[in-house]
Amino acid sequence: MFIYKRCDCAANKIKPTIPQPKLNTLAGLLKLASVPARLNILLLLNDAPHCVCDIITHTKMSQTLASHHLSDLVKANLVKSQKNGQFVDYSLTKKGNALVSHLEKLTAI
């Protein structure tokens, strides 16, 4: 029988730098943004606000699918909506802008 000896290295003395709730939030955000259709919408909204009509035209999604993804992005506070007459314009929030900015930096590496 082999008995493991407790290691006395520095890793045993290091506390996690990010609390678990924050890690869970970050993981959820990355999971949300990792869906290509949602990422496509985020990148489109990075240029300018758009209504659903514009989004479905540019992304080739159905209106139902685009609305579903927009709803998820609004719930995550990445996208906000503003009524403009009979249309609703969607744009990135400050959090959405920051996410897209960081993702663009990653693709430049």
PDB file of N, CA and C in Angstrom:
ATOM      1  N   MET A   1       0.837  -1.169   0.000  1.00  0.00           N
ATOM      2  CA  MET A   1       0.000   0.000   0.000  1.00  0.00           C
ATOM      3  C   MET A   1       0.889   1.241   0.000  1.00  0.00           C
ATOM      4  N   PHE A   2       0.529   2.177  -0.909  1.00  0.00           N
ATOM      5  CA  PHE A   2       1.299   3.411  -1.023  1.00  0.00           C
ATOM      6  C   PHE A   2       0.600   4.501  -0.227  1.00  0.00           C
ATOM      7  N   ILE A   3       1.318   5.196   0.600  1.00  0.00           N
ATOM      8  CA  ILE A   3       0.754   6.278   1.404  1.00  0.00           C
ATOM      9  C   ILE A   3       1.257   7.599   0.832  1.00  0.00           C
ATOM     10  N   TYR A   4       0.279   8.457   0.476  1.00  0.00           N
ATOM     11  CA  TYR A   4       0.645   9.757  -0.062  1.00  0.00           C
ATOM     12  C   TYR A   4       1.074  10.686   1.059  1.00  0.00           C
ATOM     13  N   LYS A   5       2.151  11.352   0.828  1.00  0.00           N
ATOM     14  CA  LYS A   5       2.663  12.316   1.790  1.00  0.00           C
ATOM     15  C   LYS A   5       2.138  13.694   1.407  1.00  0.00           C
ATOM     16  N   ARG A   6       1.729  14.422   2.368  1.00  0.00           N
ATOM     17  CA  ARG A   6       1.224  15.773   2.099  1.00  0.00           C
ATOM     18  C   ARG A   6       2.354  16.654   1.584  1.00  0.00           C
ATOM     19  N   CYS A   7       2.066  17.317   0.502  1.00  0.00           N
ATOM     20  CA  CYS A   7       3.044  18.213  -0.124  1.00  0.00           C
ATOM     21  C   CYS A   7       3.121  19.508   0.674  1.00  0.00           C
ATOM     22  N   ASP A   8       4.285  20.068   0.781  1.00  0.00           N
ATOM     23  CA  ASP A   8       4.469  21.305   1.517  1.00  0.00           C
ATOM     24  C   ASP A   8       4.809  22.470   0.588  1.00  0.00           C
ATOM     25  N   CYS A   9       4.399  22.335  -0.675  1.00  0.00           N
ATOM     26  CA  CYS A   9       4.758  23.378  -1.645  1.00  0.00           C
ATOM     27  C   CYS A   9       3.889  24.628  -1.461  1.00  0.00           C
ATOM     28  N   ALA A  10       4.215  25.662  -2.193  1.00  0.00           N
ATOM     29  CA  ALA A  10       3.523  26.947  -2.066  1.00  0.00           C
ATOM     30  C   ALA A  10       2.068  26.863  -2.519  1.00  0.00           C
ATOM     31  N   ALA A  11       1.747  25.928  -3.414  1.00  0.00           N
ATOM     32  CA  ALA A  11       0.380  25.819  -3.915  1.00  0.00           C
ATOM     33  C   ALA A  11      -0.613  25.525  -2.795  1.00  0.00           C
ATOM     34  N   ASN A  12      -0.164  24.855  -1.757  1.00  0.00           N
ATOM     35  CA  ASN A  12      -1.053  24.564  -0.630  1.00  0.00           C
ATOM     36  C   ASN A  12      -1.352  25.795   0.206  1.00  0.00           C
ATOM     37  N   LYS A  13      -0.578  26.831   0.057  1.00  0.00           N
ATOM     38  CA  LYS A  13      -0.749  28.035   0.866  1.00  0.00           C
ATOM     39  C   LYS A  13      -1.466  29.155   0.111  1.00  0.00           C
ATOM     40  N   ILE A  14      -1.711  28.939  -1.171  1.00  0.00           N
ATOM     41  CA  ILE A  14      -2.343  29.970  -1.993  1.00  0.00           C
ATOM     42  C   ILE A  14      -3.861  29.832  -1.912  1.00  0.00           C
ATOM     43  N   LYS A  15      -4.520  30.932  -1.623  1.00  0.00           N
ATOM     44  CA  LYS A  15      -5.978  30.942  -1.605  1.00  0.00           C
ATOM     45  C   LYS A  15      -6.482  31.318  -2.989  1.00  0.00           C
ATOM     46  N   PRO A  16      -7.662  30.836  -3.372  1.00  0.00           N
ATOM     47  CA  PRO A  16      -8.213  31.229  -4.677  1.00  0.00           C
ATOM     48  C   PRO A  16      -8.336  32.748  -4.764  1.00  0.00           C
ATOM     49  N   THR A  17      -7.958  33.303  -5.878  1.00  0.00           N
ATOM     50  CA  THR A  17      -7.994  34.758  -6.037  1.00  0.00           C
ATOM     51  C   THR A  17      -9.374  35.259  -6.433  1.00  0.00           C
ATOM     52  N   ILE A  18     -10.177  34.405  -7.030  1.00  0.00           N
ATOM     53  CA  ILE A  18     -11.520  34.812  -7.446  1.00  0.00           C
ATOM     54  C   ILE A  18     -12.534  33.974  -6.673  1.00  0.00           C
ATOM     55  N   PRO A  19     -13.461  34.614  -5.962  1.00  0.00           N
ATOM     56  CA  PRO A  19     -14.464  33.868  -5.212  1.00  0.00           C
ATOM     57  C   PRO A  19     -15.340  33.018  -6.148  1.00  0.00           C
ATOM     58  N   GLN A  20     -15.825  31.904  -5.650  1.00  0.00           N
ATOM     59  CA  GLN A  20     -16.612  30.974  -6.457  1.00  0.00           C
ATOM     60  C   GLN A  20     -17.831  31.620  -7.121  1.00  0.00           C
ATOM     61  N   PRO A  21     -18.607  32.469  -6.427  1.00  0.00           N
ATOM     62  CA  PRO A  21     -19.748  33.095  -7.111  1.00  0.00           C
ATOM     63  C   PRO A  21     -19.332  33.917  -8.330  1.00  0.00           C
ATOM     64  N   LYS A  22     -18.200  34.605  -8.200  1.00  0.00           N
ATOM     65  CA  LYS A  22     -17.721  35.412  -9.326  1.00  0.00           C
ATOM     66  C   LYS A  22     -17.251  34.512 -10.470  1.00  0.00           C
ATOM     67  N   LEU A  23     -16.604  33.396 -10.129  1.00  0.00           N
ATOM     68  CA  LEU A  23     -16.199  32.431 -11.154  1.00  0.00           C
ATOM     69  C   LEU A  23     -17.420  31.879 -11.881  1.00  0.00           C
ATOM     70  N   ASN A  24     -18.472  31.576 -11.129  1.00  0.00           N
ATOM     71  CA  ASN A  24     -19.702  31.056 -11.739  1.00  0.00           C
ATOM     72  C   ASN A  24     -20.333  32.075 -12.677  1.00  0.00           C
ATOM     73  N   THR A  25     -20.329  33.343 -12.271  1.00  0.00           N
ATOM     74  CA  THR A  25     -20.869  34.410 -13.109  1.00  0.00           C
ATOM     75  C   THR A  25     -20.064  34.541 -14.396  1.00  0.00           C
ATOM     76  N   LEU A  26     -18.756  34.531 -14.267  1.00  0.00           N
ATOM     77  CA  LEU A  26     -17.882  34.637 -15.437  1.00  0.00           C
ATOM     78  C   LEU A  26     -18.066  33.452 -16.365  1.00  0.00           C
ATOM     79  N   ALA A  27     -18.146  32.256 -15.800  1.00  0.00           N
ATOM     80  CA  ALA A  27     -18.343  31.054 -16.623  1.00  0.00           C
ATOM     81  C   ALA A  27     -19.676  31.129 -17.369  1.00  0.00           C
ATOM     82  N   GLY A  28     -20.714  31.614 -16.691  1.00  0.00           N
ATOM     83  CA  GLY A  28     -22.020  31.757 -17.340  1.00  0.00           C
ATOM     84  C   GLY A  28     -21.983  32.769 -18.476  1.00  0.00           C
ATOM     85  N   LEU A  29     -21.267  33.862 -18.258  1.00  0.00           N
ATOM     86  CA  LEU A  29     -21.132  34.897 -19.284  1.00  0.00           C
ATOM     87  C   LEU A  29     -20.392  34.360 -20.506  1.00  0.00           C
ATOM     88  N   LEU A  30     -19.308  33.636 -20.265  1.00  0.00           N
ATOM     89  CA  LEU A  30     -18.550  33.065 -21.373  1.00  0.00           C
ATOM     90  C   LEU A  30     -19.364  32.005 -22.118  1.00  0.00           C
ATOM     91  N   LYS A  31     -20.138  31.232 -21.369  1.00  0.00           N
ATOM     92  CA  LYS A  31     -20.998  30.223 -21.990  1.00  0.00           C
ATOM     93  C   LYS A  31     -22.046  30.898 -22.877  1.00  0.00           C
ATOM     94  N   LEU A  32     -22.627  31.982 -22.378  1.00  0.00           N
ATOM     95  CA  LEU A  32     -23.626  32.721 -23.140  1.00  0.00           C
ATOM     96  C   LEU A  32     -23.025  33.293 -24.422  1.00  0.00           C
ATOM     97  N   ALA A  33     -21.844  33.881 -24.297  1.00  0.00           N
ATOM     98  CA  ALA A  33     -21.201  34.523 -25.449  1.00  0.00           C
ATOM     99  C   ALA A  33     -20.558  33.522 -26.396  1.00  0.00           C
ATOM    100  N   SER A  34     -20.424  32.266 -25.972  1.00  0.00           N
ATOM    101  CA  SER A  34     -19.769  31.281 -26.835  1.00  0.00           C
ATOM    102  C   SER A  34     -20.692  30.718 -27.913  1.00  0.00           C
ATOM    103  N   VAL A  35     -21.971  31.014 -27.833  1.00  0.00           N
ATOM    104  CA  VAL A  35     -22.906  30.575 -28.872  1.00  0.00           C
ATOM    105  C   VAL A  35     -22.678  31.473 -30.096  1.00  0.00           C
ATOM    106  N   PRO A  36     -22.309  30.890 -31.234  1.00  0.00           N
ATOM    107  CA  PRO A  36     -21.975  31.712 -32.411  1.00  0.00           C
ATOM    108  C   PRO A  36     -23.053  32.725 -32.797  1.00  0.00           C
ATOM    109  N   ALA A  37     -24.316  32.352 -32.709  1.00  0.00           N
ATOM    110  CA  ALA A  37     -25.389  33.279 -33.087  1.00  0.00           C
ATOM    111  C   ALA A  37     -25.411  34.497 -32.162  1.00  0.00           C
ATOM    112  N   ARG A  38     -25.230  34.267 -30.867  1.00  0.00           N
ATOM    113  CA  ARG A  38     -25.214  35.394 -29.922  1.00  0.00           C
ATOM    114  C   ARG A  38     -23.973  36.250 -30.120  1.00  0.00           C
ATOM    115  N   LEU A  39     -22.864  35.612 -30.361  1.00  0.00           N
ATOM    116  CA  LEU A  39     -21.624  36.345 -30.611  1.00  0.00           C
ATOM    117  C   LEU A  39     -21.770  37.198 -31.871  1.00  0.00           C
ATOM    118  N   ASN A  40     -22.417  36.654 -32.870  1.00  0.00           N
ATOM    119  CA  ASN A  40     -22.672  37.391 -34.111  1.00  0.00           C
ATOM    120  C   ASN A  40     -23.498  38.647 -33.820  1.00  0.00           C
ATOM    121  N   ILE A  41     -24.513  38.513 -32.977  1.00  0.00           N
ATOM    122  CA  ILE A  41     -25.350  39.669 -32.617  1.00  0.00           C
ATOM    123  C   ILE A  41     -24.527  40.693 -31.840  1.00  0.00           C
ATOM    124  N   LEU A  42     -23.732  40.244 -30.892  1.00  0.00           N
ATOM    125  CA  LEU A  42     -22.897  41.172 -30.113  1.00  0.00           C
ATOM    126  C   LEU A  42     -21.957  41.955 -31.018  1.00  0.00           C
ATOM    127  N   LEU A  43     -21.329  41.263 -31.949  1.00  0.00           N
ATOM    128  CA  LEU A  43     -20.398  41.938 -32.862  1.00  0.00           C
ATOM    129  C   LEU A  43     -21.122  42.912 -33.784  1.00  0.00           C
ATOM    130  N   LEU A  44     -22.322  42.550 -34.209  1.00  0.00           N
ATOM    131  CA  LEU A  44     -23.117  43.446 -35.050  1.00  0.00           C
ATOM    132  C   LEU A  44     -23.508  44.703 -34.272  1.00  0.00           C
ATOM    133  N   LEU A  45     -23.918  44.525 -33.029  1.00  0.00           N
ATOM    134  CA  LEU A  45     -24.327  45.671 -32.210  1.00  0.00           C
ATOM    135  C   LEU A  45     -23.150  46.524 -31.770  1.00  0.00           C
ATOM    136  N   ASN A  46     -21.952  45.990 -31.892  1.00  0.00           N
ATOM    137  CA  ASN A  46     -20.768  46.775 -31.547  1.00  0.00           C
ATOM    138  C   ASN A  46     -20.597  47.945 -32.509  1.00  0.00           C
ATOM    139  N   ASP A  47     -21.052  47.784 -33.741  1.00  0.00           N
ATOM    140  CA  ASP A  47     -20.930  48.845 -34.739  1.00  0.00           C
ATOM    141  C   ASP A  47     -21.945  49.960 -34.526  1.00  0.00           C
ATOM    142  N   ALA A  48     -23.192  49.567 -34.227  1.00  0.00           N
ATOM    143  CA  ALA A  48     -24.265  50.547 -34.062  1.00  0.00           C
ATOM    144  C   ALA A  48     -25.507  49.835 -33.537  1.00  0.00           C
ATOM    145  N   PRO A  49     -26.441  50.589 -32.953  1.00  0.00           N
ATOM    146  CA  PRO A  49     -27.709  49.982 -32.539  1.00  0.00           C
ATOM    147  C   PRO A  49     -28.473  49.481 -33.771  1.00  0.00           C
ATOM    148  N   HIS A  50     -29.229  48.411 -33.588  1.00  0.00           N
ATOM    149  CA  HIS A  50     -30.016  47.842 -34.685  1.00  0.00           C
ATOM    150  C   HIS A  50     -31.353  47.354 -34.160  1.00  0.00           C
ATOM    151  N   CYS A  51     -32.354  47.367 -35.035  1.00  0.00           N
ATOM    152  CA  CYS A  51     -33.637  46.774 -34.702  1.00  0.00           C
ATOM    153  C   CYS A  51     -33.595  45.292 -35.110  1.00  0.00           C
ATOM    154  N   VAL A  52     -34.579  44.541 -34.693  1.00  0.00           N
ATOM    155  CA  VAL A  52     -34.613  43.107 -35.003  1.00  0.00           C
ATOM    156  C   VAL A  52     -34.589  42.884 -36.511  1.00  0.00           C
ATOM    157  N   CYS A  53     -35.263  43.758 -37.266  1.00  0.00           N
ATOM    158  CA  CYS A  53     -35.281  43.620 -38.741  1.00  0.00           C
ATOM    159  C   CYS A  53     -33.858  43.622 -39.302  1.00  0.00           C
ATOM    160  N   ASP A  54     -33.042  44.555 -38.815  1.00  0.00           N
ATOM    161  CA  ASP A  54     -31.650  44.630 -39.268  1.00  0.00           C
ATOM    162  C   ASP A  54     -30.873  43.390 -38.841  1.00  0.00           C
ATOM    163  N   ILE A  55     -31.097  42.962 -37.614  1.00  0.00           N
ATOM    164  CA  ILE A  55     -30.353  41.821 -37.075  1.00  0.00           C
ATOM    165  C   ILE A  55     -30.659  40.556 -37.878  1.00  0.00           C
ATOM    166  N   ILE A  56     -31.936  40.319 -38.184  1.00  0.00           N
ATOM    167  CA  ILE A  56     -32.265  39.106 -38.938  1.00  0.00           C
ATOM    168  C   ILE A  56     -31.757  39.185 -40.373  1.00  0.00           C
ATOM    169  N   THR A  57     -31.702  40.390 -40.925  1.00  0.00           N
ATOM    170  CA  THR A  57     -31.169  40.559 -42.275  1.00  0.00           C
ATOM    171  C   THR A  57     -29.670  40.261 -42.309  1.00  0.00           C
ATOM    172  N   HIS A  58     -28.933  40.787 -41.351  1.00  0.00           N
ATOM    173  CA  HIS A  58     -27.475  40.610 -41.323  1.00  0.00           C
ATOM    174  C   HIS A  58     -27.047  39.214 -40.896  1.00  0.00           C
ATOM    175  N   THR A  59     -27.806  38.607 -39.979  1.00  0.00           N
ATOM    176  CA  THR A  59     -27.390  37.314 -39.436  1.00  0.00           C
ATOM    177  C   THR A  59     -28.047  36.117 -40.121  1.00  0.00           C
ATOM    178  N   LYS A  60     -29.073  36.364 -40.925  1.00  0.00           N
ATOM    179  CA  LYS A  60     -29.824  35.299 -41.612  1.00  0.00           C
ATOM    180  C   LYS A  60     -30.562  34.383 -40.628  1.00  0.00           C
ATOM    181  N   MET A  61     -30.872  34.896 -39.425  1.00  0.00           N
ATOM    182  CA  MET A  61     -31.645  34.145 -38.429  1.00  0.00           C
ATOM    183  C   MET A  61     -33.126  34.412 -38.644  1.00  0.00           C
ATOM    184  N   SER A  62     -33.939  33.503 -38.132  1.00  0.00           N
ATOM    185  CA  SER A  62     -35.372  33.776 -38.122  1.00  0.00           C
ATOM    186  C   SER A  62     -35.640  34.841 -37.065  1.00  0.00           C
ATOM    187  N   GLN A  63     -36.797  35.491 -37.174  1.00  0.00           N
ATOM    188  CA  GLN A  63     -37.155  36.524 -36.210  1.00  0.00           C
ATOM    189  C   GLN A  63     -37.287  35.923 -34.809  1.00  0.00           C
ATOM    190  N   THR A  64     -37.845  34.729 -34.736  1.00  0.00           N
ATOM    191  CA  THR A  64     -38.028  34.060 -33.446  1.00  0.00           C
ATOM    192  C   THR A  64     -36.693  33.759 -32.788  1.00  0.00           C
ATOM    193  N   LEU A  65     -35.750  33.219 -33.563  1.00  0.00           N
ATOM    194  CA  LEU A  65     -34.434  32.878 -33.018  1.00  0.00           C
ATOM    195  C   LEU A  65     -33.667  34.130 -32.593  1.00  0.00           C
ATOM    196  N   ALA A  66     -33.705  35.158 -33.422  1.00  0.00           N
ATOM    197  CA  ALA A  66     -33.017  36.408 -33.079  1.00  0.00           C
ATOM    198  C   ALA A  66     -33.601  36.999 -31.798  1.00  0.00           C
ATOM    199  N   SER A  67     -34.918  36.991 -31.666  1.00  0.00           N
ATOM    200  CA  SER A  67     -35.562  37.519 -30.463  1.00  0.00           C
ATOM    201  C   SER A  67     -35.191  36.702 -29.229  1.00  0.00           C
ATOM    202  N   HIS A  68     -35.105  35.395 -29.395  1.00  0.00           N
ATOM    203  CA  HIS A  68     -34.708  34.523 -28.288  1.00  0.00           C
ATOM    204  C   HIS A  68     -33.296  34.870 -27.810  1.00  0.00           C
ATOM    205  N   HIS A  69     -32.368  34.989 -28.744  1.00  0.00           N
ATOM    206  CA  HIS A  69     -30.989  35.318 -28.392  1.00  0.00           C
ATOM    207  C   HIS A  69     -30.896  36.724 -27.790  1.00  0.00           C
ATOM    208  N   LEU A  70     -31.628  37.667 -28.346  1.00  0.00           N
ATOM    209  CA  LEU A  70     -31.628  39.025 -27.792  1.00  0.00           C
ATOM    210  C   LEU A  70     -32.166  39.030 -26.366  1.00  0.00           C
ATOM    211  N   SER A  71     -33.192  38.248 -26.118  1.00  0.00           N
ATOM    212  CA  SER A  71     -33.743  38.149 -24.763  1.00  0.00           C
ATOM    213  C   SER A  71     -32.691  37.642 -23.774  1.00  0.00           C
ATOM    214  N   ASP A  72     -31.938  36.617 -24.172  1.00  0.00           N
ATOM    215  CA  ASP A  72     -30.875  36.087 -23.315  1.00  0.00           C
ATOM    216  C   ASP A  72     -29.788  37.136 -23.068  1.00  0.00           C
ATOM    217  N   LEU A  73     -29.441  37.879 -24.104  1.00  0.00           N
ATOM    218  CA  LEU A  73     -28.405  38.902 -23.976  1.00  0.00           C
ATOM    219  C   LEU A  73     -28.871  40.074 -23.117  1.00  0.00           C
ATOM    220  N   VAL A  74     -30.152  40.405 -23.196  1.00  0.00           N
ATOM    221  CA  VAL A  74     -30.709  41.469 -22.355  1.00  0.00           C
ATOM    222  C   VAL A  74     -30.712  41.019 -20.897  1.00  0.00           C
ATOM    223  N   LYS A  75     -31.121  39.765 -20.644  1.00  0.00           N
ATOM    224  CA  LYS A  75     -31.129  39.243 -19.270  1.00  0.00           C
ATOM    225  C   LYS A  75     -29.732  39.250 -18.661  1.00  0.00           C
ATOM    226  N   ALA A  76     -28.712  39.038 -19.479  1.00  0.00           N
ATOM    227  CA  ALA A  76     -27.329  39.030 -18.995  1.00  0.00           C
ATOM    228  C   ALA A  76     -26.749  40.433 -18.902  1.00  0.00           C
ATOM    229  N   ASN A  77     -27.554  41.446 -19.225  1.00  0.00           N
ATOM    230  CA  ASN A  77     -27.131  42.845 -19.180  1.00  0.00           C
ATOM    231  C   ASN A  77     -25.980  43.135 -20.150  1.00  0.00           C
ATOM    232  N   LEU A  78     -25.976  42.441 -21.276  1.00  0.00           N
ATOM    233  CA  LEU A  78     -24.992  42.712 -22.319  1.00  0.00           C
ATOM    234  C   LEU A  78     -25.590  43.612 -23.400  1.00  0.00           C
ATOM    235  N   VAL A  79     -26.907  43.556 -23.522  1.00  0.00           N
ATOM    236  CA  VAL A  79     -27.631  44.318 -24.541  1.00  0.00           C
ATOM    237  C   VAL A  79     -28.802  45.020 -23.860  1.00  0.00           C
ATOM    238  N   LYS A  80     -29.107  46.217 -24.336  1.00  0.00           N
ATOM    239  CA  LYS A  80     -30.278  46.947 -23.834  1.00  0.00           C
ATOM    240  C   LYS A  80     -31.189  47.270 -25.009  1.00  0.00           C
ATOM    241  N   SER A  81     -32.443  47.507 -24.710  1.00  0.00           N
ATOM    242  CA  SER A  81     -33.405  47.832 -25.753  1.00  0.00           C
ATOM    243  C   SER A  81     -34.009  49.204 -25.486  1.00  0.00           C
ATOM    244  N   GLN A  82     -34.384  49.858 -26.580  1.00  0.00           N
ATOM    245  CA  GLN A  82     -35.016  51.169 -26.472  1.00  0.00           C
ATOM    246  C   GLN A  82     -36.072  51.266 -27.568  1.00  0.00           C
ATOM    247  N   LYS A  83     -37.293  51.567 -27.160  1.00  0.00           N
ATOM    248  CA  LYS A  83     -38.378  51.691 -28.118  1.00  0.00           C
ATOM    249  C   LYS A  83     -38.178  52.953 -28.944  1.00  0.00           C
ATOM    250  N   ASN A  84     -38.319  52.789 -30.252  1.00  0.00           N
ATOM    251  CA  ASN A  84     -38.145  53.897 -31.185  1.00  0.00           C
ATOM    252  C   ASN A  84     -39.326  53.855 -32.147  1.00  0.00           C
ATOM    253  N   GLY A  85     -40.427  54.531 -31.792  1.00  0.00           N
ATOM    254  CA  GLY A  85     -41.647  54.453 -32.592  1.00  0.00           C
ATOM    255  C   GLY A  85     -42.226  53.046 -32.482  1.00  0.00           C
ATOM    256  N   GLN A  86     -42.442  52.403 -33.623  1.00  0.00           N
ATOM    257  CA  GLN A  86     -42.979  51.037 -33.599  1.00  0.00           C
ATOM    258  C   GLN A  86     -41.873  49.986 -33.542  1.00  0.00           C
ATOM    259  N   PHE A  87     -40.632  50.425 -33.578  1.00  0.00           N
ATOM    260  CA  PHE A  87     -39.508  49.498 -33.555  1.00  0.00           C
ATOM    261  C   PHE A  87     -38.800  49.546 -32.202  1.00  0.00           C
ATOM    262  N   VAL A  88     -38.044  48.498 -31.930  1.00  0.00           N
ATOM    263  CA  VAL A  88     -37.207  48.452 -30.734  1.00  0.00           C
ATOM    264  C   VAL A  88     -35.764  48.354 -31.206  1.00  0.00           C
ATOM    265  N   ASP A  89     -34.959  49.310 -30.791  1.00  0.00           N
ATOM    266  CA  ASP A  89     -33.540  49.293 -31.138  1.00  0.00           C
ATOM    267  C   ASP A  89     -32.756  48.614 -30.021  1.00  0.00           C
ATOM    268  N   TYR A  90     -31.828  47.773 -30.399  1.00  0.00           N
ATOM    269  CA  TYR A  90     -30.965  47.079 -29.446  1.00  0.00           C
ATOM    270  C   TYR A  90     -29.555  47.621 -29.583  1.00  0.00           C
ATOM    271  N   SER A  91     -28.895  47.791 -28.446  1.00  0.00           N
ATOM    272  CA  SER A  91     -27.506  48.267 -28.441  1.00  0.00           C
ATOM    273  C   SER A  91     -26.779  47.596 -27.278  1.00  0.00           C
ATOM    274  N   LEU A  92     -25.459  47.671 -27.313  1.00  0.00           N
ATOM    275  CA  LEU A  92     -24.657  47.083 -26.252  1.00  0.00           C
ATOM    276  C   LEU A  92     -24.694  47.945 -25.005  1.00  0.00           C
ATOM    277  N   THR A  93     -24.680  47.304 -23.861  1.00  0.00           N
ATOM    278  CA  THR A  93     -24.532  48.008 -22.595  1.00  0.00           C
ATOM    279  C   THR A  93     -23.034  48.235 -22.377  1.00  0.00           C
ATOM    280  N   LYS A  94     -22.709  48.903 -21.300  1.00  0.00           N
ATOM    281  CA  LYS A  94     -21.295  49.106 -20.957  1.00  0.00           C
ATOM    282  C   LYS A  94     -20.609  47.747 -20.783  1.00  0.00           C
ATOM    283  N   LYS A  95     -21.296  46.831 -20.128  1.00  0.00           N
ATOM    284  CA  LYS A  95     -20.773  45.469 -19.924  1.00  0.00           C
ATOM    285  C   LYS A  95     -20.606  44.750 -21.268  1.00  0.00           C
ATOM    286  N   GLY A  96     -21.572  44.925 -22.169  1.00  0.00           N
ATOM    287  CA  GLY A  96     -21.491  44.314 -23.496  1.00  0.00           C
ATOM    288  C   GLY A  96     -20.335  44.878 -24.306  1.00  0.00           C
ATOM    289  N   ASN A  97     -20.156  46.199 -24.225  1.00  0.00           N
ATOM    290  CA  ASN A  97     -19.024  46.836 -24.914  1.00  0.00           C
ATOM    291  C   ASN A  97     -17.697  46.308 -24.395  1.00  0.00           C
ATOM    292  N   ALA A  98     -17.601  46.156 -23.079  1.00  0.00           N
ATOM    293  CA  ALA A  98     -16.362  45.651 -22.483  1.00  0.00           C
ATOM    294  C   ALA A  98     -16.088  44.220 -22.940  1.00  0.00           C
ATOM    295  N   LEU A  99     -17.116  43.388 -22.971  1.00  0.00           N
ATOM    296  CA  LEU A  99     -16.940  42.003 -23.407  1.00  0.00           C
ATOM    297  C   LEU A  99     -16.465  41.939 -24.850  1.00  0.00           C
ATOM    298  N   VAL A 100     -17.122  42.674 -25.728  1.00  0.00           N
ATOM    299  CA  VAL A 100     -16.737  42.666 -27.147  1.00  0.00           C
ATOM    300  C   VAL A 100     -15.321  43.210 -27.320  1.00  0.00           C
ATOM    301  N   SER A 101     -14.984  44.243 -26.582  1.00  0.00           N
ATOM    302  CA  SER A 101     -13.632  44.811 -26.654  1.00  0.00           C
ATOM    303  C   SER A 101     -12.583  43.779 -26.271  1.00  0.00           C
ATOM    304  N   HIS A 102     -12.841  43.060 -25.180  1.00  0.00           N
ATOM    305  CA  HIS A 102     -11.890  42.025 -24.737  1.00  0.00           C
ATOM    306  C   HIS A 102     -11.805  40.878 -25.745  1.00  0.00           C
ATOM    307  N   LEU A 103     -12.947  40.502 -26.310  1.00  0.00           N
ATOM    308  CA  LEU A 103     -12.931  39.426 -27.313  1.00  0.00           C
ATOM    309  C   LEU A 103     -12.166  39.839 -28.554  1.00  0.00           C
ATOM    310  N   GLU A 104     -12.317  41.095 -28.966  1.00  0.00           N
ATOM    311  CA  GLU A 104     -11.577  41.578 -30.128  1.00  0.00           C
ATOM    312  C   GLU A 104     -10.077  41.595 -29.857  1.00  0.00           C
ATOM    313  N   LYS A 105      -9.691  41.928 -28.625  1.00  0.00           N
ATOM    314  CA  LYS A 105      -8.267  41.898 -28.262  1.00  0.00           C
ATOM    315  C   LYS A 105      -7.731  40.476 -28.341  1.00  0.00           C
ATOM    316  N   LEU A 106      -8.536  39.508 -27.924  1.00  0.00           N
ATOM    317  CA  LEU A 106      -8.109  38.113 -27.970  1.00  0.00           C
ATOM    318  C   LEU A 106      -7.887  37.636 -29.411  1.00  0.00           C
ATOM    319  N   THR A 107      -8.724  38.099 -30.331  1.00  0.00           N
ATOM    320  CA  THR A 107      -8.571  37.661 -31.719  1.00  0.00           C
ATOM    321  C   THR A 107      -7.383  38.329 -32.393  1.00  0.00           C
ATOM    322  N   ALA A 108      -6.880  39.419 -31.800  1.00  0.00           N
ATOM    323  CA  ALA A 108      -5.729  40.118 -32.369  1.00  0.00           C
ATOM    324  C   ALA A 108      -4.407  39.459 -31.952  1.00  0.00           C
ATOM    325  N   ILE A 109      -4.462  38.540 -31.015  1.00  0.00           N
ATOM    326  CA  ILE A 109      -3.234  37.902 -30.513  1.00  0.00           C
ATOM    327  C   ILE A 109      -2.658  36.984 -31.570  1.00  0.00           C
TER     328      ILE A 109
END
